[in-house]
Amino acid sequence: MINAADYGQALFNLAREQGVEEQMAQELSAVGDILAAKPGYIRLVTSPALPEEQRLNLLEEAFTTIMPLHLNFLKLLCKKHALGRYAACVRAYMALYDDARQILRATALTAVPMSKRQQEALTEKLHVLTGKTVMLRNVVDPGVMGGVLLRFGGVELDGSIRARLEALRRNLASAIV
């Protein structure tokens, strides 16, 4: 099994040398979406029933518009029987890409959609806190009940009503009566 972090870093380094990091990031995202939507395709091109040459040809036929560097990366993963690790390689690449560009991707889980003004205010607060360009995504989750559960850079800040109620429950349970 391959180490996706190493492969993602190697791809990032090659893309950087060629000055195509941004184009590669866009392609990785697009191909990742395609592969996620078609899990049967990954099974097909990783099937030991097909000769390797035929599996590589299937990749070439399916991805005619991507950069040669990207196609060669897909072929390498196919040869290593690791095409199923593509998404993990993409995550590793994107983490390096974001770090190099000072981008912070954050997710705000809320019970109802955030207004544009709320998203802008939260984005600005995160920018001031981190000094990075913030890419905020709002995900609606009725289980949050209210407030915001914020995830970014391996950090989770829970300002949700559910978390507050749970803290209150713990405090009441530990109170001496």
N, C-alpha and C. Protein backbone atom coordinates (compact mmCIF):
# COMPACT_ATOMS: atom_id res chain seq x y z
N MET A 1 0.85 -1.19 0.00
CA MET A 1 0.00 0.00 0.00
C MET A 1 0.89 1.24 0.00
N ILE A 2 0.48 2.21 -0.77
CA ILE A 2 1.29 3.43 -0.88
C ILE A 2 1.00 4.38 0.28
N ASN A 3 1.93 5.27 0.52
CA ASN A 3 1.74 6.34 1.49
C ASN A 3 1.20 7.54 0.73
N ALA A 4 -0.09 7.82 0.88
CA ALA A 4 -0.75 8.88 0.12
C ALA A 4 -0.11 10.25 0.37
N ALA A 5 0.34 10.49 1.58
CA ALA A 5 0.97 11.78 1.89
C ALA A 5 2.25 11.97 1.06
N ASP A 6 3.04 10.89 0.93
CA ASP A 6 4.26 10.97 0.14
C ASP A 6 3.95 11.20 -1.34
N TYR A 7 2.95 10.49 -1.84
CA TYR A 7 2.59 10.63 -3.26
C TYR A 7 1.99 12.02 -3.52
N GLY A 8 1.17 12.50 -2.61
CA GLY A 8 0.61 13.84 -2.75
C GLY A 8 1.70 14.90 -2.74
N GLN A 9 2.69 14.71 -1.88
CA GLN A 9 3.79 15.67 -1.81
C GLN A 9 4.65 15.61 -3.07
N ALA A 10 4.90 14.42 -3.56
CA ALA A 10 5.70 14.29 -4.79
C ALA A 10 4.98 14.96 -5.96
N LEU A 11 3.68 14.75 -6.05
CA LEU A 11 2.92 15.38 -7.13
C LEU A 11 2.94 16.90 -6.98
N PHE A 12 2.80 17.38 -5.76
CA PHE A 12 2.84 18.82 -5.52
C PHE A 12 4.20 19.40 -5.93
N ASN A 13 5.26 18.71 -5.54
CA ASN A 13 6.61 19.19 -5.88
C ASN A 13 6.81 19.25 -7.40
N LEU A 14 6.35 18.23 -8.10
CA LEU A 14 6.47 18.22 -9.57
C LEU A 14 5.63 19.33 -10.20
N ALA A 15 4.42 19.51 -9.70
CA ALA A 15 3.55 20.56 -10.24
C ALA A 15 4.17 21.94 -9.98
N ARG A 16 4.76 22.09 -8.81
CA ARG A 16 5.40 23.37 -8.47
C ARG A 16 6.59 23.63 -9.39
N GLU A 17 7.40 22.60 -9.64
CA GLU A 17 8.55 22.75 -10.55
C GLU A 17 8.10 23.19 -11.94
N GLN A 18 6.95 22.68 -12.37
CA GLN A 18 6.44 23.02 -13.70
C GLN A 18 5.55 24.27 -13.69
N GLY A 19 5.31 24.83 -12.50
CA GLY A 19 4.49 26.04 -12.38
C GLY A 19 3.01 25.81 -12.67
N VAL A 20 2.53 24.61 -12.38
CA VAL A 20 1.13 24.30 -12.69
C VAL A 20 0.35 23.86 -11.45
N GLU A 21 0.73 24.36 -10.28
CA GLU A 21 0.07 23.94 -9.05
C GLU A 21 -1.43 24.22 -9.07
N GLU A 22 -1.80 25.41 -9.53
CA GLU A 22 -3.22 25.78 -9.52
C GLU A 22 -4.02 24.93 -10.50
N GLN A 23 -3.51 24.77 -11.71
CA GLN A 23 -4.19 23.94 -12.70
C GLN A 23 -4.30 22.50 -12.19
N MET A 24 -3.25 22.01 -11.56
CA MET A 24 -3.27 20.66 -11.02
C MET A 24 -4.33 20.54 -9.93
N ALA A 25 -4.41 21.53 -9.06
CA ALA A 25 -5.41 21.50 -7.99
C ALA A 25 -6.82 21.42 -8.57
N GLN A 26 -7.07 22.19 -9.62
CA GLN A 26 -8.39 22.17 -10.26
C GLN A 26 -8.66 20.81 -10.90
N GLU A 27 -7.67 20.27 -11.58
CA GLU A 27 -7.84 18.96 -12.22
C GLU A 27 -8.04 17.86 -11.18
N LEU A 28 -7.27 17.91 -10.11
CA LEU A 28 -7.40 16.89 -9.07
C LEU A 28 -8.81 16.88 -8.50
N SER A 29 -9.33 18.06 -8.28
CA SER A 29 -10.69 18.17 -7.75
C SER A 29 -11.70 17.62 -8.74
N ALA A 30 -11.57 17.99 -10.01
CA ALA A 30 -12.51 17.53 -11.04
C ALA A 30 -12.45 16.01 -11.22
N VAL A 31 -11.26 15.47 -11.32
CA VAL A 31 -11.11 14.02 -11.49
C VAL A 31 -11.56 13.29 -10.23
N GLY A 32 -11.28 13.85 -9.08
CA GLY A 32 -11.74 13.26 -7.83
C GLY A 32 -13.26 13.16 -7.78
N ASP A 33 -13.93 14.22 -8.25
CA ASP A 33 -15.40 14.20 -8.29
C ASP A 33 -15.90 13.13 -9.24
N ILE A 34 -15.24 13.00 -10.38
CA ILE A 34 -15.64 11.99 -11.37
C ILE A 34 -15.47 10.59 -10.79
N LEU A 35 -14.32 10.33 -10.19
CA LEU A 35 -14.06 9.01 -9.64
C LEU A 35 -14.99 8.68 -8.47
N ALA A 36 -15.30 9.69 -7.66
CA ALA A 36 -16.22 9.46 -6.53
C ALA A 36 -17.62 9.13 -7.03
N ALA A 37 -18.00 9.75 -8.15
CA ALA A 37 -19.33 9.51 -8.70
C ALA A 37 -19.43 8.18 -9.44
N LYS A 38 -18.29 7.61 -9.82
CA LYS A 38 -18.26 6.37 -10.60
C LYS A 38 -17.37 5.32 -9.94
N PRO A 39 -17.76 4.80 -8.77
CA PRO A 39 -16.91 3.80 -8.10
C PRO A 39 -16.71 2.54 -8.94
N GLY A 40 -17.64 2.25 -9.81
CA GLY A 40 -17.48 1.08 -10.69
C GLY A 40 -16.30 1.24 -11.63
N TYR A 41 -15.99 2.48 -12.00
CA TYR A 41 -14.86 2.73 -12.90
C TYR A 41 -13.55 2.36 -12.20
N ILE A 42 -13.43 2.74 -10.94
CA ILE A 42 -12.21 2.40 -10.20
C ILE A 42 -12.08 0.88 -10.09
N ARG A 43 -13.19 0.20 -9.83
CA ARG A 43 -13.14 -1.27 -9.77
C ARG A 43 -12.68 -1.84 -11.11
N LEU A 44 -13.16 -1.25 -12.21
CA LEU A 44 -12.80 -1.74 -13.53
C LEU A 44 -11.30 -1.57 -13.79
N VAL A 45 -10.78 -0.37 -13.56
CA VAL A 45 -9.37 -0.12 -13.89
C VAL A 45 -8.40 -0.68 -12.84
N THR A 46 -8.93 -1.25 -11.79
CA THR A 46 -8.05 -1.92 -10.82
C THR A 46 -8.26 -3.43 -10.83
N SER A 47 -9.12 -3.88 -11.72
CA SER A 47 -9.42 -5.31 -11.78
C SER A 47 -8.22 -6.11 -12.29
N PRO A 48 -7.82 -7.12 -11.54
CA PRO A 48 -6.72 -7.96 -12.02
C PRO A 48 -7.12 -8.81 -13.24
N ALA A 49 -8.42 -8.84 -13.53
CA ALA A 49 -8.88 -9.59 -14.70
C ALA A 49 -8.47 -8.92 -16.01
N LEU A 50 -8.22 -7.60 -15.94
CA LEU A 50 -7.77 -6.88 -17.13
C LEU A 50 -6.25 -6.77 -17.11
N PRO A 51 -5.63 -6.97 -18.26
CA PRO A 51 -4.17 -6.76 -18.31
C PRO A 51 -3.83 -5.30 -18.00
N GLU A 52 -2.66 -5.09 -17.44
CA GLU A 52 -2.24 -3.74 -17.07
C GLU A 52 -2.31 -2.77 -18.24
N GLU A 53 -1.86 -3.18 -19.39
CA GLU A 53 -1.86 -2.29 -20.56
C GLU A 53 -3.28 -1.83 -20.88
N GLN A 54 -4.23 -2.71 -20.76
CA GLN A 54 -5.62 -2.35 -21.05
C GLN A 54 -6.16 -1.38 -19.99
N ARG A 55 -5.79 -1.58 -18.74
CA ARG A 55 -6.22 -0.68 -17.68
C ARG A 55 -5.64 0.72 -17.89
N LEU A 56 -4.38 0.79 -18.30
CA LEU A 56 -3.74 2.08 -18.55
C LEU A 56 -4.38 2.77 -19.76
N ASN A 57 -4.74 1.99 -20.78
CA ASN A 57 -5.42 2.56 -21.94
C ASN A 57 -6.78 3.12 -21.57
N LEU A 58 -7.48 2.45 -20.66
CA LEU A 58 -8.78 2.97 -20.19
C LEU A 58 -8.61 4.34 -19.54
N LEU A 59 -7.54 4.50 -18.77
CA LEU A 59 -7.28 5.80 -18.15
C LEU A 59 -7.00 6.86 -19.21
N GLU A 60 -6.19 6.51 -20.19
CA GLU A 60 -5.86 7.45 -21.26
C GLU A 60 -7.11 7.88 -22.02
N GLU A 61 -8.00 6.93 -22.29
CA GLU A 61 -9.22 7.23 -23.04
C GLU A 61 -10.18 8.08 -22.22
N ALA A 62 -10.24 7.83 -20.93
CA ALA A 62 -11.19 8.55 -20.08
C ALA A 62 -10.73 9.97 -19.76
N PHE A 63 -9.44 10.17 -19.67
CA PHE A 63 -8.92 11.46 -19.22
C PHE A 63 -8.02 12.10 -20.28
N THR A 64 -8.60 12.38 -21.41
CA THR A 64 -7.84 12.93 -22.55
C THR A 64 -7.48 14.40 -22.37
N THR A 65 -8.19 15.11 -21.50
CA THR A 65 -7.98 16.56 -21.42
C THR A 65 -7.10 16.99 -20.24
N ILE A 66 -6.67 16.05 -19.41
CA ILE A 66 -5.85 16.46 -18.26
C ILE A 66 -4.38 16.55 -18.66
N MET A 67 -3.62 17.25 -17.84
CA MET A 67 -2.19 17.41 -18.09
C MET A 67 -1.49 16.06 -18.09
N PRO A 68 -0.44 15.91 -18.89
CA PRO A 68 0.31 14.65 -18.89
C PRO A 68 0.82 14.27 -17.50
N LEU A 69 1.24 15.23 -16.72
CA LEU A 69 1.72 14.95 -15.36
C LEU A 69 0.62 14.27 -14.55
N HIS A 70 -0.58 14.76 -14.68
CA HIS A 70 -1.71 14.20 -13.93
C HIS A 70 -2.06 12.80 -14.45
N LEU A 71 -2.09 12.64 -15.76
CA LEU A 71 -2.37 11.34 -16.34
C LEU A 71 -1.32 10.31 -15.92
N ASN A 72 -0.06 10.72 -15.94
CA ASN A 72 1.01 9.82 -15.51
C ASN A 72 0.87 9.45 -14.04
N PHE A 73 0.40 10.39 -13.23
CA PHE A 73 0.16 10.11 -11.82
C PHE A 73 -0.94 9.05 -11.67
N LEU A 74 -2.03 9.20 -12.43
CA LEU A 74 -3.10 8.21 -12.40
C LEU A 74 -2.59 6.84 -12.84
N LYS A 75 -1.78 6.82 -13.88
CA LYS A 75 -1.22 5.56 -14.37
C LYS A 75 -0.31 4.91 -13.33
N LEU A 76 0.48 5.73 -12.65
CA LEU A 76 1.37 5.21 -11.61
C LEU A 76 0.54 4.56 -10.50
N LEU A 77 -0.50 5.25 -10.07
CA LEU A 77 -1.37 4.68 -9.04
C LEU A 77 -2.00 3.37 -9.52
N CYS A 78 -2.38 3.34 -10.78
CA CYS A 78 -2.97 2.13 -11.35
C CYS A 78 -1.95 0.99 -11.34
N LYS A 79 -0.73 1.28 -11.77
CA LYS A 79 0.33 0.26 -11.79
C LYS A 79 0.63 -0.27 -10.38
N LYS A 80 0.52 0.61 -9.40
CA LYS A 80 0.81 0.24 -8.01
C LYS A 80 -0.42 -0.36 -7.32
N HIS A 81 -1.50 -0.54 -8.09
CA HIS A 81 -2.77 -1.06 -7.54
C HIS A 81 -3.25 -0.17 -6.40
N ALA A 82 -3.12 1.15 -6.59
CA ALA A 82 -3.45 2.09 -5.53
C ALA A 82 -4.38 3.20 -6.01
N LEU A 83 -5.11 2.96 -7.07
CA LEU A 83 -6.02 3.99 -7.56
C LEU A 83 -7.09 4.32 -6.52
N GLY A 84 -7.40 3.38 -5.67
CA GLY A 84 -8.34 3.62 -4.59
C GLY A 84 -7.83 4.62 -3.56
N ARG A 85 -6.55 4.93 -3.61
CA ARG A 85 -5.94 5.91 -2.68
C ARG A 85 -5.86 7.31 -3.30
N TYR A 86 -6.45 7.46 -4.49
CA TYR A 86 -6.40 8.74 -5.20
C TYR A 86 -6.92 9.88 -4.33
N ALA A 87 -8.08 9.70 -3.69
CA ALA A 87 -8.67 10.77 -2.88
C ALA A 87 -7.74 11.18 -1.74
N ALA A 88 -7.06 10.21 -1.13
CA ALA A 88 -6.12 10.52 -0.06
C ALA A 88 -4.91 11.29 -0.59
N CYS A 89 -4.46 10.94 -1.79
CA CYS A 89 -3.36 11.66 -2.42
C CYS A 89 -3.78 13.10 -2.72
N VAL A 90 -5.02 13.26 -3.18
CA VAL A 90 -5.54 14.60 -3.48
C VAL A 90 -5.60 15.44 -2.20
N ARG A 91 -6.07 14.84 -1.12
CA ARG A 91 -6.12 15.58 0.15
C ARG A 91 -4.73 16.04 0.57
N ALA A 92 -3.74 15.18 0.41
CA ALA A 92 -2.37 15.54 0.76
C ALA A 92 -1.87 16.68 -0.13
N TYR A 93 -2.14 16.58 -1.42
CA TYR A 93 -1.75 17.64 -2.36
C TYR A 93 -2.41 18.96 -1.96
N MET A 94 -3.72 18.92 -1.73
CA MET A 94 -4.46 20.14 -1.43
C MET A 94 -4.01 20.78 -0.12
N ALA A 95 -3.62 19.98 0.85
CA ALA A 95 -3.11 20.53 2.10
C ALA A 95 -1.82 21.32 1.84
N LEU A 96 -0.95 20.78 1.01
CA LEU A 96 0.30 21.48 0.66
C LEU A 96 0.00 22.72 -0.18
N TYR A 97 -0.92 22.58 -1.12
CA TYR A 97 -1.32 23.71 -1.98
C TYR A 97 -1.87 24.85 -1.12
N ASP A 98 -2.78 24.51 -0.21
CA ASP A 98 -3.37 25.53 0.66
C ASP A 98 -2.32 26.18 1.55
N ASP A 99 -1.43 25.38 2.08
CA ASP A 99 -0.38 25.91 2.95
C ASP A 99 0.53 26.87 2.18
N ALA A 100 0.89 26.51 0.96
CA ALA A 100 1.76 27.36 0.14
C ALA A 100 1.07 28.67 -0.24
N ARG A 101 -0.23 28.64 -0.34
CA ARG A 101 -1.00 29.82 -0.75
C ARG A 101 -1.64 30.55 0.43
N GLN A 102 -1.33 30.08 1.64
CA GLN A 102 -1.90 30.68 2.85
C GLN A 102 -3.43 30.68 2.82
N ILE A 103 -3.99 29.51 2.46
CA ILE A 103 -5.44 29.33 2.40
C ILE A 103 -5.87 28.44 3.56
N LEU A 104 -6.93 28.84 4.22
CA LEU A 104 -7.52 28.05 5.29
C LEU A 104 -8.93 27.65 4.86
N ARG A 105 -9.16 26.37 4.76
CA ARG A 105 -10.51 25.87 4.44
C ARG A 105 -11.20 25.55 5.75
N ALA A 106 -12.37 26.15 5.92
CA ALA A 106 -13.13 25.97 7.15
C ALA A 106 -14.56 25.56 6.81
N THR A 107 -15.13 24.78 7.71
CA THR A 107 -16.51 24.35 7.57
C THR A 107 -17.27 24.81 8.80
N ALA A 108 -18.39 25.48 8.56
CA ALA A 108 -19.26 25.91 9.64
C ALA A 108 -20.54 25.09 9.57
N LEU A 109 -20.76 24.25 10.57
CA LEU A 109 -21.99 23.47 10.65
C LEU A 109 -23.01 24.26 11.45
N THR A 110 -24.16 24.47 10.85
CA THR A 110 -25.23 25.23 11.50
C THR A 110 -26.56 24.51 11.28
N ALA A 111 -27.52 24.83 12.14
CA ALA A 111 -28.84 24.20 12.02
C ALA A 111 -29.61 24.76 10.82
N VAL A 112 -29.37 26.01 10.50
CA VAL A 112 -30.01 26.67 9.35
C VAL A 112 -28.91 27.35 8.55
N PRO A 113 -29.16 27.61 7.26
CA PRO A 113 -28.12 28.27 6.46
C PRO A 113 -27.72 29.63 7.04
N MET A 114 -26.43 29.90 7.01
CA MET A 114 -25.93 31.20 7.46
C MET A 114 -26.23 32.25 6.39
N SER A 115 -26.51 33.46 6.85
CA SER A 115 -26.71 34.55 5.90
C SER A 115 -25.35 34.94 5.31
N LYS A 116 -25.39 35.64 4.20
CA LYS A 116 -24.15 36.10 3.56
C LYS A 116 -23.36 36.97 4.54
N ARG A 117 -24.06 37.82 5.28
CA ARG A 117 -23.41 38.71 6.25
C ARG A 117 -22.73 37.90 7.36
N GLN A 118 -23.41 36.85 7.84
CA GLN A 118 -22.82 36.01 8.88
C GLN A 118 -21.58 35.29 8.36
N GLN A 119 -21.66 34.79 7.14
CA GLN A 119 -20.51 34.10 6.55
C GLN A 119 -19.33 35.06 6.39
N GLU A 120 -19.62 36.27 5.93
CA GLU A 120 -18.55 37.26 5.75
C GLU A 120 -17.92 37.62 7.10
N ALA A 121 -18.74 37.78 8.13
CA ALA A 121 -18.22 38.13 9.46
C ALA A 121 -17.34 37.00 10.00
N LEU A 122 -17.80 35.76 9.86
CA LEU A 122 -17.02 34.62 10.34
C LEU A 122 -15.72 34.48 9.55
N THR A 123 -15.81 34.67 8.25
CA THR A 123 -14.62 34.61 7.40
C THR A 123 -13.60 35.66 7.83
N GLU A 124 -14.07 36.87 8.10
CA GLU A 124 -13.17 37.95 8.52
C GLU A 124 -12.53 37.64 9.88
N LYS A 125 -13.32 37.10 10.81
CA LYS A 125 -12.76 36.75 12.12
C LYS A 125 -11.68 35.68 11.99
N LEU A 126 -11.94 34.69 11.17
CA LEU A 126 -10.94 33.64 10.96
C LEU A 126 -9.69 34.20 10.27
N HIS A 127 -9.89 35.11 9.35
CA HIS A 127 -8.74 35.74 8.66
C HIS A 127 -7.88 36.50 9.68
N VAL A 128 -8.52 37.26 10.54
CA VAL A 128 -7.79 38.02 11.56
C VAL A 128 -7.06 37.06 12.51
N LEU A 129 -7.74 35.98 12.88
CA LEU A 129 -7.18 35.00 13.81
C LEU A 129 -5.98 34.27 13.21
N THR A 130 -6.07 33.90 11.92
CA THR A 130 -5.05 33.05 11.31
C THR A 130 -4.12 33.79 10.35
N GLY A 131 -4.55 34.93 9.84
CA GLY A 131 -3.75 35.64 8.85
C GLY A 131 -3.82 35.01 7.47
N LYS A 132 -4.72 34.05 7.29
CA LYS A 132 -4.83 33.35 6.01
C LYS A 132 -6.10 33.75 5.26
N THR A 133 -6.09 33.49 3.98
CA THR A 133 -7.30 33.65 3.18
C THR A 133 -8.22 32.50 3.53
N VAL A 134 -9.44 32.82 3.90
CA VAL A 134 -10.37 31.81 4.40
C VAL A 134 -11.37 31.43 3.32
N MET A 135 -11.52 30.13 3.12
CA MET A 135 -12.53 29.58 2.22
C MET A 135 -13.54 28.89 3.14
N LEU A 136 -14.65 29.56 3.40
CA LEU A 136 -15.64 29.05 4.33
C LEU A 136 -16.76 28.34 3.59
N ARG A 137 -17.10 27.16 4.11
CA ARG A 137 -18.21 26.39 3.56
C ARG A 137 -19.22 26.19 4.69
N ASN A 138 -20.47 26.51 4.42
CA ASN A 138 -21.54 26.34 5.40
C ASN A 138 -22.29 25.05 5.10
N VAL A 139 -22.32 24.17 6.09
CA VAL A 139 -23.04 22.91 5.96
C VAL A 139 -24.19 22.92 6.96
N VAL A 140 -25.39 22.69 6.46
CA VAL A 140 -26.57 22.69 7.33
C VAL A 140 -26.74 21.30 7.92
N ASP A 141 -26.81 21.26 9.26
CA ASP A 141 -27.01 20.02 10.00
C ASP A 141 -28.00 20.30 11.13
N PRO A 142 -29.26 19.88 10.97
CA PRO A 142 -30.27 20.17 12.00
C PRO A 142 -29.88 19.64 13.38
N GLY A 143 -29.00 18.64 13.43
CA GLY A 143 -28.56 18.10 14.71
C GLY A 143 -27.76 19.08 15.54
N VAL A 144 -27.27 20.14 14.93
CA VAL A 144 -26.51 21.16 15.66
C VAL A 144 -27.43 21.91 16.62
N MET A 145 -28.70 22.00 16.31
CA MET A 145 -29.77 22.65 17.09
C MET A 145 -29.70 24.17 17.02
N GLY A 146 -28.55 24.73 17.03
CA GLY A 146 -28.36 26.18 17.00
C GLY A 146 -26.90 26.47 17.26
N GLY A 147 -26.48 27.68 16.98
CA GLY A 147 -25.07 28.03 17.14
C GLY A 147 -24.26 27.52 15.96
N VAL A 148 -22.94 27.41 16.16
CA VAL A 148 -22.04 27.02 15.07
C VAL A 148 -21.01 26.02 15.58
N LEU A 149 -20.80 24.99 14.79
CA LEU A 149 -19.70 24.05 15.01
C LEU A 149 -18.71 24.35 13.89
N LEU A 150 -17.53 24.85 14.24
CA LEU A 150 -16.56 25.31 13.26
C LEU A 150 -15.37 24.36 13.22
N ARG A 151 -15.03 23.90 12.01
CA ARG A 151 -13.88 23.01 11.82
C ARG A 151 -12.92 23.63 10.82
N PHE A 152 -11.64 23.68 11.20
CA PHE A 152 -10.62 24.19 10.31
C PHE A 152 -9.25 23.74 10.79
N GLY A 153 -8.40 23.37 9.84
CA GLY A 153 -7.02 23.03 10.14
C GLY A 153 -6.85 22.05 11.29
N GLY A 154 -7.70 21.05 11.39
CA GLY A 154 -7.58 20.08 12.47
C GLY A 154 -8.13 20.56 13.80
N VAL A 155 -8.74 21.74 13.80
CA VAL A 155 -9.31 22.32 15.02
C VAL A 155 -10.83 22.26 14.91
N GLU A 156 -11.48 22.00 16.04
CA GLU A 156 -12.94 22.04 16.08
C GLU A 156 -13.36 22.93 17.23
N LEU A 157 -14.09 24.00 16.90
CA LEU A 157 -14.62 24.91 17.90
C LEU A 157 -16.12 24.69 17.94
N ASP A 158 -16.62 24.24 19.08
CA ASP A 158 -18.03 23.89 19.18
C ASP A 158 -18.78 24.95 19.98
N GLY A 159 -19.47 25.81 19.27
CA GLY A 159 -20.30 26.83 19.90
C GLY A 159 -21.77 26.51 19.68
N SER A 160 -22.07 25.23 19.52
CA SER A 160 -23.44 24.83 19.24
C SER A 160 -24.26 24.74 20.53
N ILE A 161 -25.57 24.85 20.37
CA ILE A 161 -26.48 24.69 21.51
C ILE A 161 -26.33 23.29 22.09
N ARG A 162 -26.18 22.29 21.23
CA ARG A 162 -26.03 20.91 21.70
C ARG A 162 -24.83 20.81 22.65
N ALA A 163 -23.69 21.42 22.28
CA ALA A 163 -22.49 21.35 23.13
C ALA A 163 -22.74 22.07 24.45
N ARG A 164 -23.43 23.19 24.39
CA ARG A 164 -23.72 23.92 25.63
C ARG A 164 -24.64 23.12 26.55
N LEU A 165 -25.65 22.47 25.96
CA LEU A 165 -26.55 21.63 26.76
C LEU A 165 -25.80 20.45 27.37
N GLU A 166 -24.91 19.85 26.58
CA GLU A 166 -24.12 18.73 27.08
C GLU A 166 -23.22 19.17 28.24
N ALA A 167 -22.61 20.34 28.13
CA ALA A 167 -21.77 20.87 29.21
C ALA A 167 -22.61 21.13 30.45
N LEU A 168 -23.81 21.67 30.26
CA LEU A 168 -24.71 21.92 31.38
C LEU A 168 -25.11 20.60 32.04
N ARG A 169 -25.40 19.57 31.25
CA ARG A 169 -25.75 18.26 31.77
C ARG A 169 -24.60 17.69 32.61
N ARG A 170 -23.37 17.80 32.09
CA ARG A 170 -22.21 17.29 32.83
C ARG A 170 -22.04 18.05 34.16
N ASN A 171 -22.21 19.36 34.11
CA ASN A 171 -22.07 20.17 35.33
C ASN A 171 -23.13 19.80 36.37
N LEU A 172 -24.35 19.59 35.90
CA LEU A 172 -25.43 19.22 36.82
C LEU A 172 -25.20 17.82 37.38
N ALA A 173 -24.71 16.91 36.55
CA ALA A 173 -24.47 15.53 36.99
C ALA A 173 -23.34 15.47 38.01
N SER A 174 -22.38 16.38 37.91
CA SER A 174 -21.26 16.35 38.84
C SER A 174 -21.49 17.26 40.06
N ALA A 175 -22.58 17.98 40.08
CA ALA A 175 -22.86 18.89 41.19
C ALA A 175 -23.19 18.09 42.44
N ILE A 176 -22.73 18.59 43.54
CA ILE A 176 -23.01 17.96 44.83
C ILE A 176 -24.35 18.51 45.32
N VAL A 177 -25.25 17.58 45.61
CA VAL A 177 -26.59 17.98 46.05
C VAL A 177 -26.75 17.75 47.53
